[in-house]
Amino acid sequence: DKLTVMKMEMQHKYMFEISSQMIRFCPLGKYTDEGTRFMMHGDSQWTPGNEDHCNVEDMQNMNKNQDPAVVAQQVANLPKEKQLELFFGGLKDPVCAGLIE
């Protein structure tokens, strides 16, 4: 029915927006042209971002062997911008690696 089609369309648009932002800064190399050609929704098309814009090497690191409560306290005391960088920096490498493999 019409409502189901509208729901599916909204879900597809949402998934496109999220995934296109998540992989925007991945170093796709030879796969960049394919990503640009195939990733689209309606009039929107995925475009790669500057891979160095979200460089995890520049981001602050937390010791993964520390007590999680200590790490959480360290993160809580950082400015919001740094908190976001830590969160997305931790996601970038696994997301990008899973995309290319």
N, C-alpha and C. Protein backbone atom coordinates (compact mmCIF):
# COMPACT_ATOMS: atom_id res chain seq x y z
N ASP A 1 0.82 -1.19 0.00
CA ASP A 1 0.00 0.00 0.00
C ASP A 1 0.87 1.26 0.00
N LYS A 2 0.24 2.38 -0.14
CA LYS A 2 0.94 3.66 -0.29
C LYS A 2 1.79 4.01 0.93
N LEU A 3 1.27 3.76 2.12
CA LEU A 3 2.00 4.06 3.35
C LEU A 3 3.28 3.22 3.46
N THR A 4 3.21 1.97 3.07
CA THR A 4 4.39 1.10 3.10
C THR A 4 5.45 1.59 2.14
N VAL A 5 5.04 2.00 0.96
CA VAL A 5 5.98 2.53 -0.04
C VAL A 5 6.64 3.80 0.48
N MET A 6 5.87 4.68 1.11
CA MET A 6 6.43 5.92 1.67
C MET A 6 7.43 5.61 2.78
N LYS A 7 7.10 4.64 3.61
CA LYS A 7 8.00 4.25 4.71
C LYS A 7 9.31 3.70 4.15
N MET A 8 9.22 2.84 3.14
CA MET A 8 10.42 2.28 2.53
C MET A 8 11.27 3.37 1.88
N GLU A 9 10.64 4.33 1.26
CA GLU A 9 11.36 5.45 0.63
C GLU A 9 12.09 6.28 1.69
N MET A 10 11.43 6.55 2.79
CA MET A 10 12.07 7.31 3.88
C MET A 10 13.24 6.53 4.47
N GLN A 11 13.08 5.24 4.63
CA GLN A 11 14.15 4.41 5.17
C GLN A 11 15.35 4.40 4.22
N HIS A 12 15.09 4.28 2.93
CA HIS A 12 16.18 4.29 1.95
C HIS A 12 16.91 5.62 1.96
N LYS A 13 16.18 6.72 2.02
CA LYS A 13 16.81 8.04 2.05
C LYS A 13 17.66 8.21 3.31
N TYR A 14 17.12 7.76 4.44
CA TYR A 14 17.86 7.85 5.71
C TYR A 14 19.15 7.02 5.63
N MET A 15 19.06 5.80 5.15
CA MET A 15 20.23 4.94 5.05
C MET A 15 21.26 5.52 4.08
N PHE A 16 20.78 6.12 2.99
CA PHE A 16 21.69 6.75 2.04
C PHE A 16 22.44 7.90 2.71
N GLU A 17 21.72 8.76 3.42
CA GLU A 17 22.35 9.92 4.07
C GLU A 17 23.38 9.48 5.10
N ILE A 18 23.04 8.52 5.93
CA ILE A 18 23.96 8.06 6.96
C ILE A 18 25.19 7.39 6.35
N SER A 19 24.96 6.46 5.45
CA SER A 19 26.10 5.74 4.88
C SER A 19 26.98 6.65 4.03
N SER A 20 26.39 7.58 3.30
CA SER A 20 27.22 8.45 2.47
C SER A 20 28.10 9.36 3.32
N GLN A 21 27.62 9.77 4.48
CA GLN A 21 28.46 10.59 5.37
C GLN A 21 29.52 9.74 6.06
N MET A 22 29.17 8.49 6.41
CA MET A 22 30.12 7.62 7.09
C MET A 22 31.31 7.27 6.21
N ILE A 23 31.08 7.07 4.92
CA ILE A 23 32.19 6.66 4.04
C ILE A 23 32.80 7.83 3.27
N ARG A 24 32.32 9.01 3.52
CA ARG A 24 32.78 10.17 2.76
C ARG A 24 34.29 10.39 2.87
N PHE A 25 34.86 10.09 4.01
CA PHE A 25 36.27 10.37 4.23
C PHE A 25 37.14 9.12 4.17
N CYS A 26 36.57 8.01 3.69
CA CYS A 26 37.35 6.78 3.54
C CYS A 26 38.27 6.89 2.34
N PRO A 27 39.48 6.39 2.48
CA PRO A 27 40.40 6.38 1.32
C PRO A 27 40.03 5.24 0.39
N LEU A 28 39.18 5.51 -0.59
CA LEU A 28 38.66 4.46 -1.47
C LEU A 28 39.58 4.15 -2.65
N GLY A 29 40.50 5.05 -2.92
CA GLY A 29 41.46 4.81 -4.00
C GLY A 29 40.78 4.51 -5.32
N LYS A 30 41.07 3.32 -5.87
CA LYS A 30 40.55 2.95 -7.19
C LYS A 30 39.04 2.74 -7.19
N TYR A 31 38.40 2.65 -6.01
CA TYR A 31 36.96 2.44 -5.93
C TYR A 31 36.15 3.74 -5.86
N THR A 32 36.82 4.87 -5.86
CA THR A 32 36.13 6.16 -5.75
C THR A 32 35.16 6.38 -6.90
N ASP A 33 35.59 6.10 -8.12
CA ASP A 33 34.71 6.30 -9.28
C ASP A 33 33.47 5.41 -9.20
N GLU A 34 33.65 4.17 -8.75
CA GLU A 34 32.51 3.26 -8.62
C GLU A 34 31.54 3.75 -7.55
N GLY A 35 32.07 4.24 -6.44
CA GLY A 35 31.22 4.78 -5.39
C GLY A 35 30.41 5.97 -5.88
N THR A 36 31.05 6.83 -6.64
CA THR A 36 30.36 8.00 -7.19
C THR A 36 29.29 7.59 -8.19
N ARG A 37 29.57 6.57 -8.97
CA ARG A 37 28.64 6.13 -10.01
C ARG A 37 27.42 5.39 -9.43
N PHE A 38 27.62 4.61 -8.39
CA PHE A 38 26.54 3.75 -7.91
C PHE A 38 25.81 4.24 -6.67
N MET A 39 26.42 5.11 -5.88
CA MET A 39 25.78 5.53 -4.65
C MET A 39 24.97 6.79 -4.86
N MET A 40 23.66 6.61 -4.95
CA MET A 40 22.78 7.75 -5.15
C MET A 40 21.39 7.43 -4.62
N HIS A 41 20.66 8.50 -4.40
CA HIS A 41 19.26 8.39 -4.00
C HIS A 41 18.52 9.58 -4.60
N GLY A 42 17.58 9.31 -5.47
CA GLY A 42 16.86 10.40 -6.12
C GLY A 42 17.82 11.30 -6.86
N ASP A 43 17.82 12.57 -6.53
CA ASP A 43 18.72 13.54 -7.16
C ASP A 43 20.04 13.67 -6.41
N SER A 44 20.17 13.02 -5.27
CA SER A 44 21.38 13.11 -4.45
C SER A 44 22.38 12.05 -4.87
N GLN A 45 23.63 12.46 -5.00
CA GLN A 45 24.68 11.51 -5.35
C GLN A 45 25.83 11.67 -4.36
N TRP A 46 26.41 10.55 -3.98
CA TRP A 46 27.53 10.56 -3.05
C TRP A 46 28.75 11.19 -3.70
N THR A 47 29.45 12.00 -2.94
CA THR A 47 30.71 12.56 -3.41
C THR A 47 31.76 12.33 -2.33
N PRO A 48 32.97 12.00 -2.72
CA PRO A 48 34.01 11.78 -1.72
C PRO A 48 34.42 13.09 -1.07
N GLY A 49 34.85 12.99 0.17
CA GLY A 49 35.37 14.15 0.88
C GLY A 49 36.89 14.11 0.86
N ASN A 50 37.49 15.09 1.44
CA ASN A 50 38.94 15.11 1.57
C ASN A 50 39.33 14.09 2.62
N GLU A 51 40.07 13.05 2.24
CA GLU A 51 40.42 11.96 3.15
C GLU A 51 41.17 12.45 4.37
N ASP A 52 41.92 13.53 4.26
CA ASP A 52 42.68 14.05 5.39
C ASP A 52 41.83 14.88 6.35
N HIS A 53 40.60 15.21 5.95
CA HIS A 53 39.73 16.02 6.81
C HIS A 53 39.41 15.30 8.12
N CYS A 54 39.31 14.01 8.05
CA CYS A 54 38.98 13.21 9.22
C CYS A 54 40.12 12.23 9.46
N ASN A 55 41.30 12.74 9.72
CA ASN A 55 42.49 11.92 9.89
C ASN A 55 42.62 11.50 11.34
N VAL A 56 42.49 10.21 11.62
CA VAL A 56 42.54 9.74 12.99
C VAL A 56 43.92 9.91 13.62
N GLU A 57 44.94 10.06 12.81
CA GLU A 57 46.28 10.24 13.36
C GLU A 57 46.40 11.57 14.12
N ASP A 58 45.60 12.55 13.74
CA ASP A 58 45.64 13.85 14.40
C ASP A 58 44.78 13.90 15.66
N MET A 59 43.98 12.87 15.88
CA MET A 59 43.05 12.90 16.99
C MET A 59 43.68 12.35 18.27
N GLN A 60 43.17 12.82 19.37
CA GLN A 60 43.65 12.37 20.67
C GLN A 60 43.31 10.89 20.85
N ASN A 61 44.24 10.15 21.43
CA ASN A 61 44.00 8.72 21.65
C ASN A 61 43.73 8.44 23.12
N MET A 62 42.90 7.46 23.34
CA MET A 62 42.64 6.98 24.68
C MET A 62 43.29 5.61 24.79
N ASN A 63 43.79 5.29 25.96
CA ASN A 63 44.40 3.99 26.19
C ASN A 63 43.29 2.94 26.31
N LYS A 64 43.24 2.02 25.37
CA LYS A 64 42.18 1.01 25.35
C LYS A 64 42.30 0.02 26.49
N ASN A 65 43.46 -0.03 27.12
CA ASN A 65 43.67 -0.98 28.22
C ASN A 65 43.26 -0.40 29.57
N GLN A 66 42.88 0.86 29.60
CA GLN A 66 42.46 1.48 30.85
C GLN A 66 41.08 1.02 31.26
N ASP A 67 40.79 1.23 32.52
CA ASP A 67 39.46 0.97 33.05
C ASP A 67 38.45 1.83 32.28
N PRO A 68 37.36 1.25 31.77
CA PRO A 68 36.38 2.02 30.99
C PRO A 68 35.83 3.23 31.74
N ALA A 69 35.71 3.14 33.04
CA ALA A 69 35.21 4.29 33.82
C ALA A 69 36.20 5.44 33.77
N VAL A 70 37.49 5.14 33.78
CA VAL A 70 38.52 6.19 33.70
C VAL A 70 38.48 6.85 32.32
N VAL A 71 38.37 6.02 31.28
CA VAL A 71 38.30 6.55 29.91
C VAL A 71 37.05 7.42 29.76
N ALA A 72 35.91 6.95 30.27
CA ALA A 72 34.67 7.72 30.18
C ALA A 72 34.82 9.07 30.87
N GLN A 73 35.49 9.10 32.00
CA GLN A 73 35.68 10.36 32.72
C GLN A 73 36.59 11.30 31.93
N GLN A 74 37.62 10.74 31.29
CA GLN A 74 38.51 11.57 30.47
C GLN A 74 37.73 12.18 29.30
N VAL A 75 36.90 11.37 28.65
CA VAL A 75 36.12 11.85 27.52
C VAL A 75 35.10 12.89 27.97
N ALA A 76 34.48 12.67 29.11
CA ALA A 76 33.45 13.59 29.61
C ALA A 76 34.02 14.97 29.90
N ASN A 77 35.29 15.04 30.22
CA ASN A 77 35.91 16.32 30.54
C ASN A 77 36.44 17.06 29.32
N LEU A 78 36.36 16.44 28.15
CA LEU A 78 36.83 17.10 26.93
C LEU A 78 35.73 18.00 26.36
N PRO A 79 36.13 19.00 25.56
CA PRO A 79 35.12 19.81 24.86
C PRO A 79 34.30 18.91 23.92
N LYS A 80 33.08 19.32 23.63
CA LYS A 80 32.17 18.52 22.78
C LYS A 80 32.80 18.18 21.43
N GLU A 81 33.52 19.12 20.84
CA GLU A 81 34.15 18.87 19.54
C GLU A 81 35.14 17.71 19.62
N LYS A 82 35.95 17.68 20.68
CA LYS A 82 36.93 16.61 20.86
C LYS A 82 36.23 15.28 21.13
N GLN A 83 35.10 15.32 21.86
CA GLN A 83 34.34 14.10 22.12
C GLN A 83 33.85 13.49 20.80
N LEU A 84 33.34 14.34 19.91
CA LEU A 84 32.87 13.87 18.61
C LEU A 84 34.01 13.31 17.76
N GLU A 85 35.16 13.98 17.82
CA GLU A 85 36.31 13.50 17.06
C GLU A 85 36.74 12.12 17.55
N LEU A 86 36.74 11.92 18.87
CA LEU A 86 37.10 10.61 19.40
C LEU A 86 36.10 9.54 18.97
N PHE A 87 34.83 9.87 19.04
CA PHE A 87 33.79 8.91 18.67
C PHE A 87 33.91 8.51 17.21
N PHE A 88 33.91 9.50 16.32
CA PHE A 88 33.96 9.19 14.89
C PHE A 88 35.33 8.72 14.44
N GLY A 89 36.38 9.19 15.11
CA GLY A 89 37.72 8.70 14.80
C GLY A 89 37.85 7.22 15.07
N GLY A 90 37.22 6.77 16.13
CA GLY A 90 37.24 5.35 16.45
C GLY A 90 36.44 4.52 15.47
N LEU A 91 35.50 5.12 14.80
CA LEU A 91 34.67 4.40 13.83
C LEU A 91 35.27 4.39 12.43
N LYS A 92 36.07 5.41 12.12
CA LYS A 92 36.52 5.58 10.74
C LYS A 92 37.28 4.37 10.19
N ASP A 93 38.28 3.92 10.87
CA ASP A 93 39.10 2.83 10.34
C ASP A 93 38.32 1.53 10.15
N PRO A 94 37.52 1.08 11.15
CA PRO A 94 36.75 -0.16 10.92
C PRO A 94 35.70 -0.02 9.80
N VAL A 95 35.05 1.14 9.73
CA VAL A 95 34.04 1.35 8.69
C VAL A 95 34.69 1.33 7.32
N CYS A 96 35.78 2.05 7.17
CA CYS A 96 36.46 2.10 5.88
C CYS A 96 37.05 0.73 5.51
N ALA A 97 37.60 0.02 6.47
CA ALA A 97 38.18 -1.29 6.18
C ALA A 97 37.09 -2.27 5.74
N GLY A 98 35.93 -2.22 6.38
CA GLY A 98 34.84 -3.10 6.01
C GLY A 98 34.26 -2.78 4.65
N LEU A 99 34.35 -1.54 4.25
CA LEU A 99 33.82 -1.13 2.96
C LEU A 99 34.65 -1.68 1.81
N ILE A 100 35.95 -1.70 1.98
CA ILE A 100 36.84 -2.07 0.89
C ILE A 100 37.07 -3.58 0.83
N GLU A 101 36.93 -4.26 1.96
CA GLU A 101 37.20 -5.72 1.97
C GLU A 101 36.14 -6.51 1.31
